[in-house]
Amino acid sequence: MNVLSTILFYVIMLVVILALYAGCRLYVFNKIRINKWIPLAISIILFCCQLFIKGINGYVNAAITVATVLFLLWFMEIQQTGGPKKKEKPIVIKPKAKPNRVKNNKKDK
């Protein structure tokens, strides 16, 4: 029974990580321009905190694991895609004023 609960815990953790990653990819990652090394540094710091601090509650430990993997996935996405691009201003074609037309119209009248 213990093995089954462990497998179920890891499957639930995987589903939570993938759901959070999909949500963050849609709503957060596209809007934030960040240096690619910052998410990697945060994930390494969280991983080290998880290793060296032993008296953590199980739920807090799971939350730190989810955050670590989420920041690592964010780093990998920035590494692959180059991060969000700057939005370019749309090109607006404005008509150029033609001064000779104004002069010729006055002469015709």
PDB file of N, CA and C in Angstrom:
ATOM      1  N   MET A   1       0.820  -1.192   0.000  1.00  0.00           N
ATOM      2  CA  MET A   1       0.000   0.000   0.000  1.00  0.00           C
ATOM      3  C   MET A   1       0.867   1.260   0.000  1.00  0.00           C
ATOM      4  N   ASN A   2       2.033   1.186   0.639  1.00  0.00           N
ATOM      5  CA  ASN A   2       2.925   2.327   0.711  1.00  0.00           C
ATOM      6  C   ASN A   2       3.473   2.684  -0.676  1.00  0.00           C
ATOM      7  N   VAL A   3       3.763   1.684  -1.479  1.00  0.00           N
ATOM      8  CA  VAL A   3       4.283   1.925  -2.829  1.00  0.00           C
ATOM      9  C   VAL A   3       3.212   2.587  -3.684  1.00  0.00           C
ATOM     10  N   LEU A   4       1.985   2.152  -3.546  1.00  0.00           N
ATOM     11  CA  LEU A   4       0.884   2.726  -4.319  1.00  0.00           C
ATOM     12  C   LEU A   4       0.657   4.195  -3.953  1.00  0.00           C
ATOM     13  N   SER A   5       0.730   4.510  -2.674  1.00  0.00           N
ATOM     14  CA  SER A   5       0.545   5.907  -2.270  1.00  0.00           C
ATOM     15  C   SER A   5       1.705   6.783  -2.748  1.00  0.00           C
ATOM     16  N   THR A   6       2.907   6.249  -2.781  1.00  0.00           N
ATOM     17  CA  THR A   6       4.058   7.004  -3.285  1.00  0.00           C
ATOM     18  C   THR A   6       3.917   7.275  -4.773  1.00  0.00           C
ATOM     19  N   ILE A   7       3.506   6.275  -5.527  1.00  0.00           N
ATOM     20  CA  ILE A   7       3.303   6.456  -6.971  1.00  0.00           C
ATOM     21  C   ILE A   7       2.183   7.458  -7.222  1.00  0.00           C
ATOM     22  N   LEU A   8       1.106   7.363  -6.457  1.00  0.00           N
ATOM     23  CA  LEU A   8      -0.003   8.308  -6.593  1.00  0.00           C
ATOM     24  C   LEU A   8       0.440   9.735  -6.264  1.00  0.00           C
ATOM     25  N   PHE A   9       1.275   9.887  -5.233  1.00  0.00           N
ATOM     26  CA  PHE A   9       1.798  11.205  -4.871  1.00  0.00           C
ATOM     27  C   PHE A   9       2.623  11.794  -6.014  1.00  0.00           C
ATOM     28  N   TYR A  10       3.481  10.997  -6.630  1.00  0.00           N
ATOM     29  CA  TYR A  10       4.314  11.497  -7.733  1.00  0.00           C
ATOM     30  C   TYR A  10       3.483  11.821  -8.972  1.00  0.00           C
ATOM     31  N   VAL A  11       2.446  11.047  -9.228  1.00  0.00           N
ATOM     32  CA  VAL A  11       1.574  11.338 -10.377  1.00  0.00           C
ATOM     33  C   VAL A  11       0.816  12.642 -10.140  1.00  0.00           C
ATOM     34  N   ILE A  12       0.302  12.827  -8.933  1.00  0.00           N
ATOM     35  CA  ILE A  12      -0.395  14.080  -8.608  1.00  0.00           C
ATOM     36  C   ILE A  12       0.567  15.260  -8.692  1.00  0.00           C
ATOM     37  N   MET A  13       1.790  15.069  -8.213  1.00  0.00           N
ATOM     38  CA  MET A  13       2.801  16.132  -8.288  1.00  0.00           C
ATOM     39  C   MET A  13       3.115  16.472  -9.743  1.00  0.00           C
ATOM     40  N   LEU A  14       3.208  15.483 -10.602  1.00  0.00           N
ATOM     41  CA  LEU A  14       3.470  15.712 -12.026  1.00  0.00           C
ATOM     42  C   LEU A  14       2.322  16.477 -12.677  1.00  0.00           C
ATOM     43  N   VAL A  15       1.093  16.108 -12.344  1.00  0.00           N
ATOM     44  CA  VAL A  15      -0.071  16.802 -12.907  1.00  0.00           C
ATOM     45  C   VAL A  15      -0.107  18.260 -12.440  1.00  0.00           C
ATOM     46  N   VAL A  16       0.186  18.498 -11.171  1.00  0.00           N
ATOM     47  CA  VAL A  16       0.198  19.867 -10.644  1.00  0.00           C
ATOM     48  C   VAL A  16       1.284  20.693 -11.326  1.00  0.00           C
ATOM     49  N   ILE A  17       2.470  20.124 -11.490  1.00  0.00           N
ATOM     50  CA  ILE A  17       3.571  20.846 -12.137  1.00  0.00           C
ATOM     51  C   ILE A  17       3.222  21.174 -13.579  1.00  0.00           C
ATOM     52  N   LEU A  18       2.688  20.216 -14.318  1.00  0.00           N
ATOM     53  CA  LEU A  18       2.353  20.467 -15.721  1.00  0.00           C
ATOM     54  C   LEU A  18       1.213  21.472 -15.861  1.00  0.00           C
ATOM     55  N   ALA A  19       0.234  21.420 -14.960  1.00  0.00           N
ATOM     56  CA  ALA A  19      -0.870  22.384 -15.017  1.00  0.00           C
ATOM     57  C   ALA A  19      -0.382  23.796 -14.697  1.00  0.00           C
ATOM     58  N   LEU A  20       0.448  23.926 -13.674  1.00  0.00           N
ATOM     59  CA  LEU A  20       0.997  25.243 -13.339  1.00  0.00           C
ATOM     60  C   LEU A  20       1.886  25.774 -14.457  1.00  0.00           C
ATOM     61  N   TYR A  21       2.670  24.901 -15.061  1.00  0.00           N
ATOM     62  CA  TYR A  21       3.547  25.326 -16.154  1.00  0.00           C
ATOM     63  C   TYR A  21       2.727  25.794 -17.353  1.00  0.00           C
ATOM     64  N   ALA A  22       1.665  25.073 -17.670  1.00  0.00           N
ATOM     65  CA  ALA A  22       0.817  25.482 -18.798  1.00  0.00           C
ATOM     66  C   ALA A  22       0.143  26.822 -18.509  1.00  0.00           C
ATOM     67  N   GLY A  23      -0.344  27.006 -17.296  1.00  0.00           N
ATOM     68  CA  GLY A  23      -0.968  28.278 -16.934  1.00  0.00           C
ATOM     69  C   GLY A  23       0.025  29.428 -16.934  1.00  0.00           C
ATOM     70  N   CYS A  24       1.192  29.194 -16.376  1.00  0.00           N
ATOM     71  CA  CYS A  24       2.213  30.252 -16.362  1.00  0.00           C
ATOM     72  C   CYS A  24       2.714  30.558 -17.765  1.00  0.00           C
ATOM     73  N   ARG A  25       2.775  29.551 -18.600  1.00  0.00           N
ATOM     74  CA  ARG A  25       3.232  29.775 -19.977  1.00  0.00           C
ATOM     75  C   ARG A  25       2.245  30.650 -20.744  1.00  0.00           C
ATOM     76  N   LEU A  26       0.958  30.484 -20.468  1.00  0.00           N
ATOM     77  CA  LEU A  26      -0.051  31.294 -21.147  1.00  0.00           C
ATOM     78  C   LEU A  26      -0.132  32.711 -20.601  1.00  0.00           C
ATOM     79  N   TYR A  27      -0.094  32.856 -19.277  1.00  0.00           N
ATOM     80  CA  TYR A  27      -0.421  34.135 -18.670  1.00  0.00           C
ATOM     81  C   TYR A  27       0.764  34.900 -18.084  1.00  0.00           C
ATOM     82  N   VAL A  28       1.852  34.233 -17.749  1.00  0.00           N
ATOM     83  CA  VAL A  28       2.937  34.915 -17.043  1.00  0.00           C
ATOM     84  C   VAL A  28       4.202  35.035 -17.885  1.00  0.00           C
ATOM     85  N   PHE A  29       4.667  33.920 -18.439  1.00  0.00           N
ATOM     86  CA  PHE A  29       5.971  33.907 -19.096  1.00  0.00           C
ATOM     87  C   PHE A  29       6.022  34.816 -20.315  1.00  0.00           C
ATOM     88  N   ASN A  30       4.923  34.980 -21.026  1.00  0.00           N
ATOM     89  CA  ASN A  30       4.920  35.833 -22.216  1.00  0.00           C
ATOM     90  C   ASN A  30       4.983  37.308 -21.865  1.00  0.00           C
ATOM     91  N   LYS A  31       4.577  37.666 -20.673  1.00  0.00           N
ATOM     92  CA  LYS A  31       4.492  39.076 -20.308  1.00  0.00           C
ATOM     93  C   LYS A  31       5.725  39.582 -19.565  1.00  0.00           C
ATOM     94  N   ILE A  32       6.533  38.685 -19.044  1.00  0.00           N
ATOM     95  CA  ILE A  32       7.693  39.084 -18.252  1.00  0.00           C
ATOM     96  C   ILE A  32       8.962  38.883 -19.074  1.00  0.00           C
ATOM     97  N   ARG A  33       9.710  39.974 -19.245  1.00  0.00           N
ATOM     98  CA  ARG A  33      11.027  39.887 -19.874  1.00  0.00           C
ATOM     99  C   ARG A  33      12.051  39.806 -18.743  1.00  0.00           C
ATOM    100  N   ILE A  34      12.758  38.686 -18.680  1.00  0.00           N
ATOM    101  CA  ILE A  34      13.678  38.449 -17.573  1.00  0.00           C
ATOM    102  C   ILE A  34      14.945  37.818 -18.139  1.00  0.00           C
ATOM    103  N   ASN A  35      16.046  38.073 -17.464  1.00  0.00           N
ATOM    104  CA  ASN A  35      17.299  37.440 -17.845  1.00  0.00           C
ATOM    105  C   ASN A  35      17.166  35.934 -17.626  1.00  0.00           C
ATOM    106  N   LYS A  36      17.718  35.144 -18.541  1.00  0.00           N
ATOM    107  CA  LYS A  36      17.501  33.698 -18.460  1.00  0.00           C
ATOM    108  C   LYS A  36      18.195  33.054 -17.267  1.00  0.00           C
ATOM    109  N   TRP A  37      19.175  33.719 -16.683  1.00  0.00           N
ATOM    110  CA  TRP A  37      19.902  33.116 -15.577  1.00  0.00           C
ATOM    111  C   TRP A  37      19.178  33.295 -14.245  1.00  0.00           C
ATOM    112  N   ILE A  38      18.245  34.209 -14.167  1.00  0.00           N
ATOM    113  CA  ILE A  38      17.526  34.440 -12.908  1.00  0.00           C
ATOM    114  C   ILE A  38      16.649  33.242 -12.526  1.00  0.00           C
ATOM    115  N   PRO A  39      15.823  32.685 -13.438  1.00  0.00           N
ATOM    116  CA  PRO A  39      15.061  31.489 -13.037  1.00  0.00           C
ATOM    117  C   PRO A  39      15.953  30.298 -12.688  1.00  0.00           C
ATOM    118  N   LEU A  40      17.097  30.168 -13.377  1.00  0.00           N
ATOM    119  CA  LEU A  40      18.013  29.077 -13.052  1.00  0.00           C
ATOM    120  C   LEU A  40      18.598  29.265 -11.656  1.00  0.00           C
ATOM    121  N   ALA A  41      18.996  30.488 -11.325  1.00  0.00           N
ATOM    122  CA  ALA A  41      19.553  30.755  -9.995  1.00  0.00           C
ATOM    123  C   ALA A  41      18.507  30.514  -8.903  1.00  0.00           C
ATOM    124  N   ILE A  42      17.275  30.932  -9.156  1.00  0.00           N
ATOM    125  CA  ILE A  42      16.212  30.714  -8.166  1.00  0.00           C
ATOM    126  C   ILE A  42      15.965  29.221  -7.968  1.00  0.00           C
ATOM    127  N   SER A  43      15.963  28.455  -9.061  1.00  0.00           N
ATOM    128  CA  SER A  43      15.728  27.012  -8.923  1.00  0.00           C
ATOM    129  C   SER A  43      16.881  26.330  -8.188  1.00  0.00           C
ATOM    130  N   ILE A  44      18.118  26.771  -8.422  1.00  0.00           N
ATOM    131  CA  ILE A  44      19.261  26.186  -7.706  1.00  0.00           C
ATOM    132  C   ILE A  44      19.195  26.535  -6.222  1.00  0.00           C
ATOM    133  N   ILE A  45      18.840  27.779  -5.911  1.00  0.00           N
ATOM    134  CA  ILE A  45      18.728  28.186  -4.502  1.00  0.00           C
ATOM    135  C   ILE A  45      17.623  27.400  -3.798  1.00  0.00           C
ATOM    136  N   LEU A  46      16.479  27.239  -4.455  1.00  0.00           N
ATOM    137  CA  LEU A  46      15.393  26.463  -3.846  1.00  0.00           C
ATOM    138  C   LEU A  46      15.788  25.001  -3.664  1.00  0.00           C
ATOM    139  N   PHE A  47      16.521  24.456  -4.627  1.00  0.00           N
ATOM    140  CA  PHE A  47      16.972  23.068  -4.521  1.00  0.00           C
ATOM    141  C   PHE A  47      17.938  22.901  -3.350  1.00  0.00           C
ATOM    142  N   CYS A  48      18.860  23.847  -3.192  1.00  0.00           N
ATOM    143  CA  CYS A  48      19.803  23.782  -2.070  1.00  0.00           C
ATOM    144  C   CYS A  48      19.086  23.947  -0.734  1.00  0.00           C
ATOM    145  N   CYS A  49      18.113  24.843  -0.685  1.00  0.00           N
ATOM    146  CA  CYS A  49      17.327  25.001   0.547  1.00  0.00           C
ATOM    147  C   CYS A  49      16.602  23.710   0.895  1.00  0.00           C
ATOM    148  N   GLN A  50      16.110  23.049  -0.117  1.00  0.00           N
ATOM    149  CA  GLN A  50      15.391  21.802   0.109  1.00  0.00           C
ATOM    150  C   GLN A  50      16.335  20.710   0.617  1.00  0.00           C
ATOM    151  N   LEU A  51      17.573  20.720   0.151  1.00  0.00           N
ATOM    152  CA  LEU A  51      18.526  19.704   0.589  1.00  0.00           C
ATOM    153  C   LEU A  51      19.040  19.947   2.005  1.00  0.00           C
ATOM    154  N   PHE A  52      19.342  21.202   2.332  1.00  0.00           N
ATOM    155  CA  PHE A  52      20.029  21.485   3.580  1.00  0.00           C
ATOM    156  C   PHE A  52      19.100  21.720   4.760  1.00  0.00           C
ATOM    157  N   ILE A  53      17.861  22.085   4.527  1.00  0.00           N
ATOM    158  CA  ILE A  53      16.920  22.293   5.630  1.00  0.00           C
ATOM    159  C   ILE A  53      16.093  21.016   5.772  1.00  0.00           C
ATOM    160  N   LYS A  54      16.327  20.302   6.861  1.00  0.00           N
ATOM    161  CA  LYS A  54      15.708  18.984   7.023  1.00  0.00           C
ATOM    162  C   LYS A  54      14.374  19.022   7.773  1.00  0.00           C
ATOM    163  N   GLY A  55      14.127  20.004   8.599  1.00  0.00           N
ATOM    164  CA  GLY A  55      12.924  20.017   9.424  1.00  0.00           C
ATOM    165  C   GLY A  55      11.732  20.669   8.747  1.00  0.00           C
ATOM    166  N   ILE A  56      11.532  20.401   7.457  1.00  0.00           N
ATOM    167  CA  ILE A  56      10.436  21.025   6.721  1.00  0.00           C
ATOM    168  C   ILE A  56       9.247  20.068   6.679  1.00  0.00           C
ATOM    169  N   ASN A  57       8.061  20.624   6.781  1.00  0.00           N
ATOM    170  CA  ASN A  57       6.824  19.867   6.650  1.00  0.00           C
ATOM    171  C   ASN A  57       6.763  19.237   5.252  1.00  0.00           C
ATOM    172  N   GLY A  58       6.056  18.136   5.111  1.00  0.00           N
ATOM    173  CA  GLY A  58       5.961  17.443   3.824  1.00  0.00           C
ATOM    174  C   GLY A  58       5.297  18.270   2.743  1.00  0.00           C
ATOM    175  N   TYR A  59       4.270  19.032   3.109  1.00  0.00           N
ATOM    176  CA  TYR A  59       3.575  19.865   2.125  1.00  0.00           C
ATOM    177  C   TYR A  59       4.442  21.043   1.676  1.00  0.00           C
ATOM    178  N   VAL A  60       5.188  21.608   2.600  1.00  0.00           N
ATOM    179  CA  VAL A  60       6.094  22.704   2.248  1.00  0.00           C
ATOM    180  C   VAL A  60       7.202  22.184   1.344  1.00  0.00           C
ATOM    181  N   ASN A  61       7.691  20.997   1.643  1.00  0.00           N
ATOM    182  CA  ASN A  61       8.721  20.375   0.817  1.00  0.00           C
ATOM    183  C   ASN A  61       8.192  20.119  -0.596  1.00  0.00           C
ATOM    184  N   ALA A  62       6.951  19.681  -0.710  1.00  0.00           N
ATOM    185  CA  ALA A  62       6.351  19.451  -2.027  1.00  0.00           C
ATOM    186  C   ALA A  62       6.174  20.767  -2.778  1.00  0.00           C
ATOM    187  N   ALA A  63       5.779  21.829  -2.070  1.00  0.00           N
ATOM    188  CA  ALA A  63       5.620  23.139  -2.711  1.00  0.00           C
ATOM    189  C   ALA A  63       6.961  23.670  -3.203  1.00  0.00           C
ATOM    190  N   ILE A  64       8.019  23.466  -2.424  1.00  0.00           N
ATOM    191  CA  ILE A  64       9.353  23.897  -2.857  1.00  0.00           C
ATOM    192  C   ILE A  64       9.792  23.100  -4.077  1.00  0.00           C
ATOM    193  N   THR A  65       9.465  21.815  -4.113  1.00  0.00           N
ATOM    194  CA  THR A  65       9.794  20.994  -5.278  1.00  0.00           C
ATOM    195  C   THR A  65       9.072  21.495  -6.519  1.00  0.00           C
ATOM    196  N   VAL A  66       7.787  21.810  -6.383  1.00  0.00           N
ATOM    197  CA  VAL A  66       7.015  22.327  -7.520  1.00  0.00           C
ATOM    198  C   VAL A  66       7.615  23.644  -8.007  1.00  0.00           C
ATOM    199  N   ALA A  67       7.961  24.539  -7.086  1.00  0.00           N
ATOM    200  CA  ALA A  67       8.545  25.829  -7.468  1.00  0.00           C
ATOM    201  C   ALA A  67       9.903  25.638  -8.145  1.00  0.00           C
ATOM    202  N   THR A  68      10.706  24.711  -7.643  1.00  0.00           N
ATOM    203  CA  THR A  68      12.015  24.447  -8.239  1.00  0.00           C
ATOM    204  C   THR A  68      11.874  23.966  -9.673  1.00  0.00           C
ATOM    205  N   VAL A  69      11.000  23.015  -9.885  1.00  0.00           N
ATOM    206  CA  VAL A  69      10.809  22.477 -11.238  1.00  0.00           C
ATOM    207  C   VAL A  69      10.195  23.530 -12.155  1.00  0.00           C
ATOM    208  N   LEU A  70       9.293  24.344 -11.634  1.00  0.00           N
ATOM    209  CA  LEU A  70       8.663  25.393 -12.436  1.00  0.00           C
ATOM    210  C   LEU A  70       9.693  26.423 -12.905  1.00  0.00           C
ATOM    211  N   PHE A  71      10.574  26.860 -12.009  1.00  0.00           N
ATOM    212  CA  PHE A  71      11.612  27.814 -12.410  1.00  0.00           C
ATOM    213  C   PHE A  71      12.609  27.177 -13.374  1.00  0.00           C
ATOM    214  N   LEU A  72      12.901  25.896 -13.191  1.00  0.00           N
ATOM    215  CA  LEU A  72      13.804  25.213 -14.114  1.00  0.00           C
ATOM    216  C   LEU A  72      13.169  25.088 -15.503  1.00  0.00           C
ATOM    217  N   LEU A  73      11.880  24.793 -15.561  1.00  0.00           N
ATOM    218  CA  LEU A  73      11.188  24.734 -16.850  1.00  0.00           C
ATOM    219  C   LEU A  73      11.122  26.101 -17.511  1.00  0.00           C
ATOM    220  N   TRP A  74      10.977  27.158 -16.715  1.00  0.00           N
ATOM    221  CA  TRP A  74      10.964  28.516 -17.259  1.00  0.00           C
ATOM    222  C   TRP A  74      12.328  28.849 -17.872  1.00  0.00           C
ATOM    223  N   PHE A  75      13.410  28.458 -17.177  1.00  0.00           N
ATOM    224  CA  PHE A  75      14.751  28.671 -17.721  1.00  0.00           C
ATOM    225  C   PHE A  75      14.923  27.923 -19.037  1.00  0.00           C
ATOM    226  N   MET A  76      14.451  26.677 -19.080  1.00  0.00           N
ATOM    227  CA  MET A  76      14.605  25.889 -20.308  1.00  0.00           C
ATOM    228  C   MET A  76      13.796  26.489 -21.451  1.00  0.00           C
ATOM    229  N   GLU A  77      12.624  27.043 -21.161  1.00  0.00           N
ATOM    230  CA  GLU A  77      11.829  27.688 -22.211  1.00  0.00           C
ATOM    231  C   GLU A  77      12.527  28.942 -22.739  1.00  0.00           C
ATOM    232  N   ILE A  78      13.086  29.750 -21.835  1.00  0.00           N
ATOM    233  CA  ILE A  78      13.811  30.943 -22.276  1.00  0.00           C
ATOM    234  C   ILE A  78      15.033  30.534 -23.090  1.00  0.00           C
ATOM    235  N   GLN A  79      15.686  29.462 -22.694  1.00  0.00           N
ATOM    236  CA  GLN A  79      16.867  28.981 -23.411  1.00  0.00           C
ATOM    237  C   GLN A  79      16.499  28.538 -24.828  1.00  0.00           C
ATOM    238  N   GLN A  80      15.362  27.896 -24.994  1.00  0.00           N
ATOM    239  CA  GLN A  80      14.953  27.403 -26.313  1.00  0.00           C
ATOM    240  C   GLN A  80      14.403  28.501 -27.198  1.00  0.00           C
ATOM    241  N   THR A  81      13.543  29.355 -26.646  1.00  0.00           N
ATOM    242  CA  THR A  81      12.850  30.334 -27.485  1.00  0.00           C
ATOM    243  C   THR A  81      13.513  31.698 -27.491  1.00  0.00           C
ATOM    244  N   GLY A  82      14.379  31.975 -26.554  1.00  0.00           N
ATOM    245  CA  GLY A  82      14.995  33.290 -26.479  1.00  0.00           C
ATOM    246  C   GLY A  82      14.169  34.282 -25.693  1.00  0.00           C
ATOM    247  N   GLY A  83      13.095  33.861 -25.089  1.00  0.00           N
ATOM    248  CA  GLY A  83      12.267  34.757 -24.287  1.00  0.00           C
ATOM    249  C   GLY A  83      11.285  35.531 -25.137  1.00  0.00           C
ATOM    250  N   PRO A  84      10.427  36.293 -24.481  1.00  0.00           N
ATOM    251  CA  PRO A  84       9.444  37.076 -25.242  1.00  0.00           C
ATOM    252  C   PRO A  84      10.127  38.196 -26.016  1.00  0.00           C
ATOM    253  N   LYS A  85       9.653  38.430 -27.195  1.00  0.00           N
ATOM    254  CA  LYS A  85      10.217  39.464 -28.066  1.00  0.00           C
ATOM    255  C   LYS A  85       9.547  40.798 -27.784  1.00  0.00           C
ATOM    256  N   LYS A  86      10.273  41.873 -28.084  1.00  0.00           N
ATOM    257  CA  LYS A  86       9.683  43.201 -27.961  1.00  0.00           C
ATOM    258  C   LYS A  86       8.666  43.382 -29.073  1.00  0.00           C
ATOM    259  N   LYS A  87       7.546  43.976 -28.716  1.00  0.00           N
ATOM    260  CA  LYS A  87       6.518  44.218 -29.722  1.00  0.00           C
ATOM    261  C   LYS A  87       6.932  45.404 -30.574  1.00  0.00           C
ATOM    262  N   GLU A  88       6.910  45.185 -31.876  1.00  0.00           N
ATOM    263  CA  GLU A  88       7.272  46.259 -32.790  1.00  0.00           C
ATOM    264  C   GLU A  88       6.058  47.137 -33.043  1.00  0.00           C
ATOM    265  N   LYS A  89       6.318  48.417 -33.221  1.00  0.00           N
ATOM    266  CA  LYS A  89       5.227  49.333 -33.522  1.00  0.00           C
ATOM    267  C   LYS A  89       4.756  49.073 -34.948  1.00  0.00           C
ATOM    268  N   PRO A  90       3.451  49.085 -35.164  1.00  0.00           N
ATOM    269  CA  PRO A  90       2.966  48.875 -36.539  1.00  0.00           C
ATOM    270  C   PRO A  90       3.364  50.055 -37.426  1.00  0.00           C
ATOM    271  N   ILE A  91       3.712  49.743 -38.648  1.00  0.00           N
ATOM    272  CA  ILE A  91       4.128  50.766 -39.592  1.00  0.00           C
ATOM    273  C   ILE A  91       2.885  51.444 -40.152  1.00  0.00           C
ATOM    274  N   VAL A  92       2.823  52.753 -39.989  1.00  0.00           N
ATOM    275  CA  VAL A  92       1.696  53.537 -40.487  1.00  0.00           C
ATOM    276  C   VAL A  92       2.206  54.379 -41.648  1.00  0.00           C
ATOM    277  N   ILE A  93       1.585  54.212 -42.797  1.00  0.00           N
ATOM    278  CA  ILE A  93       1.976  54.975 -43.972  1.00  0.00           C
ATOM    279  C   ILE A  93       1.155  56.258 -43.997  1.00  0.00           C
ATOM    280  N   LYS A  94       1.843  57.377 -43.887  1.00  0.00           N
ATOM    281  CA  LYS A  94       1.168  58.676 -43.892  1.00  0.00           C
ATOM    282  C   LYS A  94       1.402  59.336 -45.247  1.00  0.00           C
ATOM    283  N   PRO A  95       0.386  59.951 -45.807  1.00  0.00           N
ATOM    284  CA  PRO A  95       0.586  60.624 -47.089  1.00  0.00           C
ATOM    285  C   PRO A  95       1.478  61.850 -46.911  1.00  0.00           C
ATOM    286  N   LYS A  96       2.347  62.021 -47.872  1.00  0.00           N
ATOM    287  CA  LYS A  96       3.268  63.147 -47.819  1.00  0.00           C
ATOM    288  C   LYS A  96       2.600  64.375 -48.437  1.00  0.00           C
ATOM    289  N   ALA A  97       2.756  65.500 -47.800  1.00  0.00           N
ATOM    290  CA  ALA A  97       2.178  66.733 -48.330  1.00  0.00           C
ATOM    291  C   ALA A  97       2.957  67.161 -49.571  1.00  0.00           C
ATOM    292  N   LYS A  98       2.239  67.519 -50.603  1.00  0.00           N
ATOM    293  CA  LYS A  98       2.876  67.929 -51.850  1.00  0.00           C
ATOM    294  C   LYS A  98       2.661  69.432 -52.017  1.00  0.00           C
ATOM    295  N   PRO A  99       3.666  70.240 -51.769  1.00  0.00           N
ATOM    296  CA  PRO A  99       3.487  71.690 -51.798  1.00  0.00           C
ATOM    297  C   PRO A  99       3.198  72.234 -53.192  1.00  0.00           C
ATOM    298  N   ASN A 100       3.656  71.598 -54.230  1.00  0.00           N
ATOM    299  CA  ASN A 100       3.416  72.097 -55.591  1.00  0.00           C
ATOM    300  C   ASN A 100       1.944  72.002 -55.971  1.00  0.00           C
ATOM    301  N   ARG A 101       1.233  71.034 -55.441  1.00  0.00           N
ATOM    302  CA  ARG A 101      -0.184  70.915 -55.760  1.00  0.00           C
ATOM    303  C   ARG A 101      -0.966  72.109 -55.232  1.00  0.00           C
ATOM    304  N   VAL A 102      -0.633  72.537 -54.051  1.00  0.00           N
ATOM    305  CA  VAL A 102      -1.334  73.673 -53.457  1.00  0.00           C
ATOM    306  C   VAL A 102      -1.085  74.922 -54.291  1.00  0.00           C
ATOM    307  N   LYS A 103       0.135  75.127 -54.756  1.00  0.00           N
ATOM    308  CA  LYS A 103       0.456  76.295 -55.578  1.00  0.00           C
ATOM    309  C   LYS A 103      -0.282  76.251 -56.908  1.00  0.00           C
ATOM    310  N   ASN A 104      -0.350  75.088 -57.531  1.00  0.00           N
ATOM    311  CA  ASN A 104      -1.004  74.958 -58.832  1.00  0.00           C
ATOM    312  C   ASN A 104      -2.515  75.112 -58.721  1.00  0.00           C
ATOM    313  N   ASN A 105      -3.109  74.656 -57.633  1.00  0.00           N
ATOM    314  CA  ASN A 105      -4.555  74.796 -57.456  1.00  0.00           C
ATOM    315  C   ASN A 105      -4.962  76.260 -57.325  1.00  0.00           C
ATOM    316  N   LYS A 106      -4.142  77.072 -56.698  1.00  0.00           N
ATOM    317  CA  LYS A 106      -4.459  78.496 -56.545  1.00  0.00           C
ATOM    318  C   LYS A 106      -4.368  79.220 -57.891  1.00  0.00           C
ATOM    319  N   LYS A 107      -3.457  78.804 -58.754  1.00  0.00           N
ATOM    320  CA  LYS A 107      -3.302  79.444 -60.062  1.00  0.00           C
ATOM    321  C   LYS A 107      -4.468  79.114 -60.986  1.00  0.00           C
ATOM    322  N   ASP A 108      -4.996  77.896 -60.882  1.00  0.00           N
ATOM    323  CA  ASP A 108      -6.088  77.470 -61.756  1.00  0.00           C
ATOM    324  C   ASP A 108      -7.370  78.226 -61.458  1.00  0.00           C
ATOM    325  N   LYS A 109      -7.603  78.650 -60.267  1.00  0.00           N
ATOM    326  CA  LYS A 109      -8.866  79.299 -59.895  1.00  0.00           C
ATOM    327  C   LYS A 109      -8.881  80.726 -60.183  1.00  0.00           C
TER     328      LYS A 109
END
